[in-house]
């Protein structure tokens, strides 16, 4: 954020321009994306003198493919960021939390195969702690492939075939230990195709309601928690790193919390992953915001 970088920008709301130059040797049969973790609030992105596009919203990631635009030397990214508040924006015109302007999460180059795993979901079937459901979506030219889901710890391997659009939805049974605050069990999960492979760590859980009760894995749960803004605990500025998340969630854990409310916007991926690791449920306050209906 620019507010903590220069005293004259502490209260500034408006536009700031950024530039970054780099060289890049792109391997054959690879695609390249320019990925922004978050930019607050309206971002206009230019690459090697051409506009890539815009993104509105200060707390969601976005990217642009630059495979056919990148060159070996002399690449440059120019970014215009505007954080002027508006009635329909988050934060809105009247607000009680700080409107940090600028690049508030990492900017990275993401290299993927020509046909890659674009999206996936793997979780317990609703109301079950035995049945797994999920989906995988491929992106590229080789869209009809076999996709294998592996959970090595329980010697599980299931293979499914995508359709002509590169998508497959699947379900299968598995004997897994459910995730809970007392036992935040995470499984290493591998999603593999002929052209790509993704590794993740997933906690499998079932959450539903019965009258006024919240049921976690079929058992009634009493929530004890606090509200957290994406504010760094040990320095001025936004919280964005894994260390930031461990500090904030560690304090919540010390207080006896088993859940946190992440107000009022999507927090960083680091916060959600550390919550999974430390045994804290998350109330993700999206998409409701108090002045926007």
Protein backbone atom coordinates (compact mmCIF):
# COMPACT_ATOMS: atom_id res chain seq x y z
CA UNK A 1 0.00 0.00 0.00
CA UNK A 2 1.20 3.53 -0.66
CA UNK A 3 -0.18 4.98 2.59
CA UNK A 4 2.64 3.53 4.70
CA UNK A 5 5.39 4.11 2.11
CA UNK A 6 5.48 7.89 2.16
CA UNK A 7 4.17 10.36 4.74
CA UNK A 8 2.65 12.59 2.06
CA UNK A 9 0.48 9.66 0.89
CA UNK A 10 -0.93 8.71 4.29
CA UNK A 11 -4.35 10.25 3.64
CA UNK A 12 -4.13 10.35 -0.16
CA UNK A 13 -7.04 9.00 -2.22
CA UNK A 14 -6.60 9.14 -5.98
CA UNK A 15 -4.38 7.54 -8.61
CA UNK A 16 -0.81 6.29 -8.41
CA UNK A 17 1.18 4.79 -11.32
CA UNK A 18 3.55 1.84 -10.90
CA UNK A 19 6.15 0.41 -13.29
CA UNK A 20 8.18 -2.82 -13.20
CA UNK A 21 10.61 -4.03 -15.88
CA UNK A 22 11.87 -7.60 -16.29
CA UNK A 23 13.48 -10.10 -18.66
CA UNK A 24 11.95 -13.53 -19.18
CA UNK A 25 13.08 -16.65 -21.02
CA UNK A 26 9.83 -18.52 -21.71
CA UNK A 27 10.22 -22.31 -22.08
CA UNK A 28 8.61 -24.01 -25.07
CA UNK A 29 5.04 -25.29 -24.73
CA UNK A 30 4.30 -23.11 -21.71
CA UNK A 31 1.77 -20.35 -21.06
CA UNK A 32 2.39 -17.30 -18.90
CA UNK A 33 -0.02 -15.28 -16.78
CA UNK A 34 0.52 -11.99 -14.96
CA UNK A 35 -1.25 -12.50 -11.63
CA UNK A 36 -2.26 -9.85 -9.08
CA UNK A 37 -3.20 -10.97 -5.57
CA UNK A 38 -5.11 -7.74 -4.91
CA UNK A 39 -5.02 -4.10 -5.98
CA UNK A 40 -7.16 -1.50 -4.24
CA UNK A 41 -9.40 -0.41 -5.87
CA UNK A 42 -9.59 0.14 -9.65
CA UNK A 43 -6.63 -1.24 -11.59
CA UNK A 44 -5.69 -0.49 -15.21
CA UNK A 45 -2.93 -2.79 -16.46
CA UNK A 46 -0.57 -2.19 -19.42
CA UNK A 47 2.10 -4.57 -20.72
CA UNK A 48 4.84 -3.55 -23.16
CA UNK A 49 2.83 -0.47 -24.10
CA UNK A 50 -0.52 -2.19 -24.70
CA UNK A 51 -3.52 -2.19 -22.39
CA UNK A 52 -4.33 -5.64 -20.98
CA UNK A 53 -7.53 -4.58 -19.21
CA UNK A 54 -9.04 -3.35 -15.96
CA UNK A 55 -10.12 -4.90 -12.68
CA UNK A 56 -12.48 -3.35 -10.13
CA UNK A 57 -12.47 -4.53 -6.53
CA UNK A 58 -9.74 -4.26 -3.94
CA UNK A 59 -9.79 -7.74 -2.40
CA UNK A 60 -10.03 -10.31 -5.19
CA UNK A 61 -7.21 -11.74 -7.33
CA UNK A 62 -7.09 -11.33 -11.11
CA UNK A 63 -4.75 -12.16 -13.97
CA UNK A 64 -4.03 -11.60 -17.65
CA UNK A 65 -2.41 -14.04 -20.07
CA UNK A 66 0.75 -12.62 -21.65
CA UNK A 67 2.03 -15.77 -23.40
CA UNK A 68 2.10 -14.17 -26.87
CA UNK A 69 3.21 -10.76 -25.60
CA UNK A 70 6.23 -11.56 -23.43
CA UNK A 71 9.72 -11.20 -24.90
CA UNK A 72 13.15 -12.30 -23.78
CA UNK A 73 14.31 -8.84 -22.69
CA UNK A 74 12.87 -5.42 -21.94
CA UNK A 75 9.37 -6.32 -20.73
CA UNK A 76 7.59 -3.69 -18.66
CA UNK A 77 4.34 -3.62 -16.69
CA UNK A 78 2.60 -0.33 -15.98
CA UNK A 79 -0.24 -0.23 -13.47
CA UNK A 80 -2.57 2.65 -12.67
CA UNK A 81 -4.31 2.25 -9.30
CA UNK A 82 -7.18 4.43 -8.12
CA UNK A 83 -8.59 4.08 -4.59
CA UNK A 84 -11.19 6.88 -4.59
CA UNK A 85 -14.18 5.63 -2.60
CA UNK A 86 -17.64 5.41 -4.18
CA UNK A 87 -21.11 4.65 -2.90
CA UNK A 88 -21.09 1.22 -4.58
CA UNK A 89 -17.49 0.36 -3.66
CA UNK A 90 -15.88 -1.51 -0.73
CA UNK A 91 -15.11 0.44 1.40
CA UNK A 92 -17.90 2.86 0.61
CA UNK A 93 -17.99 6.66 1.03
CA UNK A 94 -18.79 6.48 4.74
CA UNK A 95 -16.58 3.89 6.38
CA UNK A 96 -15.01 3.03 9.71
CA UNK A 97 -11.91 1.21 8.45
CA UNK A 98 -8.81 2.29 6.57
CA UNK A 99 -8.88 2.55 2.79
CA UNK A 100 -5.36 1.41 1.86
CA UNK A 101 -4.46 2.31 -1.72
CA UNK A 102 -2.11 0.45 -4.03
CA UNK A 103 -0.82 -3.08 -4.53
CA UNK A 104 -1.76 -4.86 -1.33
CA UNK A 105 -0.89 -8.49 -2.19
CA UNK A 106 1.88 -10.09 -4.28
CA UNK A 107 2.23 -9.72 -8.05
CA UNK A 108 3.61 -12.84 -9.72
CA UNK A 109 4.32 -14.49 -13.06
CA UNK A 110 2.53 -17.86 -13.23
CA UNK A 111 3.86 -20.41 -15.71
CA UNK A 112 1.56 -23.30 -16.70
CA UNK A 113 1.44 -26.03 -19.38
CA UNK A 114 -0.35 -25.40 -22.68
CA UNK A 115 -3.33 -27.30 -21.27
CA UNK A 116 -3.57 -26.81 -17.51
CA UNK A 117 -5.89 -27.46 -14.57
CA UNK A 118 -7.77 -24.17 -14.37
CA UNK A 119 -10.10 -24.96 -11.47
CA UNK A 120 -11.06 -27.81 -9.15
CA UNK A 121 -13.24 -28.58 -6.14
CA UNK A 122 -12.99 -31.62 -3.83
CA UNK A 123 -15.07 -31.86 -0.64
CA UNK A 124 -17.53 -33.97 1.32
CA UNK A 125 -20.94 -34.40 -0.28
CA UNK A 126 -23.47 -32.23 1.54
CA UNK A 127 -24.59 -33.93 4.74
CA UNK A 128 -22.04 -36.76 4.46
CA UNK A 129 -18.65 -37.59 5.95
CA UNK A 130 -18.13 -40.60 3.67
CA UNK A 131 -18.94 -39.45 0.17
CA UNK A 132 -16.60 -37.16 -1.78
CA UNK A 133 -17.81 -34.97 -4.62
CA UNK A 134 -15.89 -32.61 -6.85
CA UNK A 135 -15.06 -31.27 -10.28
CA UNK A 136 -12.05 -30.43 -12.44
CA UNK A 137 -11.89 -27.91 -15.28
CA UNK A 138 -9.09 -27.90 -17.87
CA UNK A 139 -8.03 -24.93 -20.00
CA UNK A 140 -6.21 -25.34 -23.32
CA UNK A 141 -6.37 -27.33 -26.54
CA UNK A 142 -6.27 -30.91 -25.16
CA UNK A 143 -9.53 -30.78 -23.24
CA UNK A 144 -10.49 -34.46 -23.30
CA UNK A 145 -8.14 -36.19 -20.86
CA UNK A 146 -8.07 -38.64 -18.00
CA UNK A 147 -7.90 -36.88 -14.62
CA UNK A 148 -6.71 -38.77 -11.53
CA UNK A 149 -7.45 -37.80 -7.93
CA UNK A 150 -4.97 -39.22 -5.42
CA UNK A 151 -4.87 -39.10 -1.62
CA UNK A 152 -1.67 -41.04 -0.90
CA UNK A 153 -2.15 -41.24 2.89
CA UNK A 154 -5.17 -43.51 2.46
CA UNK A 155 -3.93 -45.20 -0.76
CA UNK A 156 -6.81 -43.68 -2.74
CA UNK A 157 -6.63 -43.20 -6.51
CA UNK A 158 -9.62 -42.48 -8.75
CA UNK A 159 -9.54 -41.71 -12.47
CA UNK A 160 -12.21 -39.90 -14.49
CA UNK A 161 -12.44 -38.53 -18.04
CA UNK A 162 -13.19 -34.92 -18.91
CA UNK A 163 -15.73 -34.01 -21.58
CA UNK A 164 -15.16 -32.02 -24.77
CA UNK A 165 -15.31 -28.80 -22.72
CA UNK A 166 -12.53 -30.04 -20.42
CA UNK A 167 -14.81 -30.57 -17.42
CA UNK A 168 -15.59 -33.56 -15.26
CA UNK A 169 -17.78 -33.88 -12.16
CA UNK A 170 -17.17 -36.90 -9.96
CA UNK A 171 -18.08 -38.64 -6.71
CA UNK A 172 -16.67 -41.56 -4.76
CA UNK A 173 -16.55 -43.00 -1.25
CA UNK A 174 -13.56 -42.52 1.08
CA UNK A 175 -12.74 -43.25 4.70
CA UNK A 176 -11.22 -39.95 5.86
CA UNK A 177 -10.80 -38.33 9.25
CA UNK A 178 -12.97 -35.19 9.26
CA UNK A 179 -11.36 -31.82 9.94
CA UNK A 180 -12.30 -30.10 13.22
CA UNK A 181 -10.87 -27.33 15.46
CA UNK A 182 -9.70 -29.99 17.91
CA UNK A 183 -8.12 -32.08 15.14
CA UNK A 184 -7.39 -29.93 12.06
CA UNK A 185 -6.55 -32.89 9.86
CA UNK A 186 -5.36 -31.99 6.35
CA UNK A 187 -4.78 -34.49 3.56
CA UNK A 188 -2.28 -34.07 0.74
CA UNK A 189 -4.40 -34.27 -2.42
CA UNK A 190 -3.00 -34.59 -5.94
CA UNK A 191 -5.03 -33.72 -9.03
CA UNK A 192 -3.24 -34.95 -12.14
CA UNK A 193 -3.93 -34.97 -15.86
CA UNK A 194 -1.80 -35.96 -18.86
CA UNK A 195 -0.47 -32.40 -19.08
CA UNK A 196 -0.60 -30.90 -15.59
CA UNK A 197 -0.48 -31.71 -11.89
CA UNK A 198 -1.70 -29.73 -8.87
CA UNK A 199 -0.96 -30.44 -5.21
CA UNK A 200 -3.13 -29.18 -2.35
CA UNK A 201 -3.76 -29.79 1.35
CA UNK A 202 -7.46 -30.17 2.09
CA UNK A 203 -9.44 -30.55 5.30
CA UNK A 204 -12.64 -32.49 4.67
CA UNK A 205 -15.64 -31.43 6.78
CA UNK A 206 -19.40 -31.36 6.75
CA UNK A 207 -21.17 -28.16 7.88
CA UNK A 208 -24.94 -27.81 8.07
CA UNK A 209 -27.61 -26.26 10.27
CA UNK A 210 -30.46 -27.75 12.29
CA UNK A 211 -32.86 -25.13 13.62
CA UNK A 212 -30.54 -22.78 15.54
CA UNK A 213 -27.63 -25.23 15.74
CA UNK A 214 -24.52 -25.35 13.56
CA UNK A 215 -23.44 -28.95 13.00
CA UNK A 216 -19.82 -29.72 12.20
CA UNK A 217 -19.42 -33.32 11.01
CA UNK A 218 -22.85 -34.02 12.47
CA UNK A 219 -22.09 -32.65 15.95
CA UNK A 220 -23.43 -29.44 17.47
CA UNK A 221 -20.79 -26.70 17.64
CA UNK A 222 -20.72 -23.59 19.84
CA UNK A 223 -18.81 -20.83 18.05
CA UNK A 224 -16.32 -18.68 20.00
CA UNK A 225 -14.68 -16.04 17.88
CA UNK A 226 -13.64 -12.52 17.03
CA UNK A 227 -13.74 -10.20 14.03
CA UNK A 228 -10.51 -9.56 12.10
CA UNK A 229 -9.66 -6.91 9.54
CA UNK A 230 -6.81 -7.45 7.09
CA UNK A 231 -4.58 -5.21 9.20
CA UNK A 232 -0.99 -6.15 10.01
CA UNK A 233 -0.41 -6.77 13.71
CA UNK A 234 3.24 -5.73 14.07
CA UNK A 235 3.65 -2.95 11.47
CA UNK A 236 1.54 -0.34 9.66
CA UNK A 237 -0.27 -1.60 6.56
CA UNK A 238 -2.36 -4.46 5.23
CA UNK A 239 -1.87 -8.03 6.39
CA UNK A 240 -1.03 -10.18 3.36
CA UNK A 241 1.65 -12.74 4.20
CA UNK A 242 1.62 -16.14 5.88
CA UNK A 243 3.52 -14.62 8.82
CA UNK A 244 0.79 -11.98 9.21
CA UNK A 245 -1.87 -14.69 9.20
CA UNK A 246 -0.02 -16.80 11.77
CA UNK A 247 0.28 -13.84 14.13
CA UNK A 248 -3.38 -12.81 13.90
CA UNK A 249 -4.81 -16.32 14.03
CA UNK A 250 -2.33 -17.35 16.73
CA UNK A 251 -3.65 -14.57 18.94
CA UNK A 252 -7.22 -15.69 18.20
CA UNK A 253 -6.29 -19.24 19.13
CA UNK A 254 -4.70 -18.03 22.38
CA UNK A 255 -8.00 -16.34 23.22
CA UNK A 256 -9.79 -19.67 22.89
CA UNK A 257 -11.42 -18.95 19.53
CA UNK A 258 -12.57 -21.74 17.25
CA UNK A 259 -13.75 -19.38 14.50
CA UNK A 260 -13.04 -15.89 13.13
CA UNK A 261 -15.15 -13.44 11.18
CA UNK A 262 -13.09 -12.04 8.29
CA UNK A 263 -14.68 -8.63 7.80
CA UNK A 264 -15.78 -7.12 5.34
CA UNK A 265 -14.19 -8.62 2.21
CA UNK A 266 -12.29 -11.66 0.93
CA UNK A 267 -9.03 -11.91 2.88
CA UNK A 268 -5.82 -13.30 1.43
CA UNK A 269 -5.42 -16.98 0.58
CA UNK A 270 -2.69 -17.14 3.25
CA UNK A 271 -5.26 -16.35 5.96
CA UNK A 272 -7.56 -19.20 4.87
CA UNK A 273 -4.76 -21.74 4.58
CA UNK A 274 -3.34 -20.91 8.01
CA UNK A 275 -6.86 -21.10 9.50
CA UNK A 276 -7.14 -24.61 8.06
CA UNK A 277 -3.77 -25.57 9.54
CA UNK A 278 -4.45 -24.17 13.01
CA UNK A 279 -8.03 -25.41 13.46
CA UNK A 280 -10.06 -22.23 13.05
CA UNK A 281 -13.36 -22.03 11.19
CA UNK A 282 -13.86 -18.98 8.97
CA UNK A 283 -16.94 -16.82 8.48
CA UNK A 284 -16.17 -15.29 5.09
CA UNK A 285 -18.26 -12.13 4.94
CA UNK A 286 -18.98 -12.15 1.22
CA UNK A 287 -20.84 -10.67 -0.64
CA UNK A 288 -22.83 -8.76 2.00
CA UNK A 289 -21.64 -5.27 2.94
CA UNK A 290 -23.55 -2.86 5.14
CA UNK A 291 -24.29 -0.06 2.64
CA UNK A 292 -24.64 -2.23 -0.49
CA UNK A 293 -27.78 -4.29 -0.99
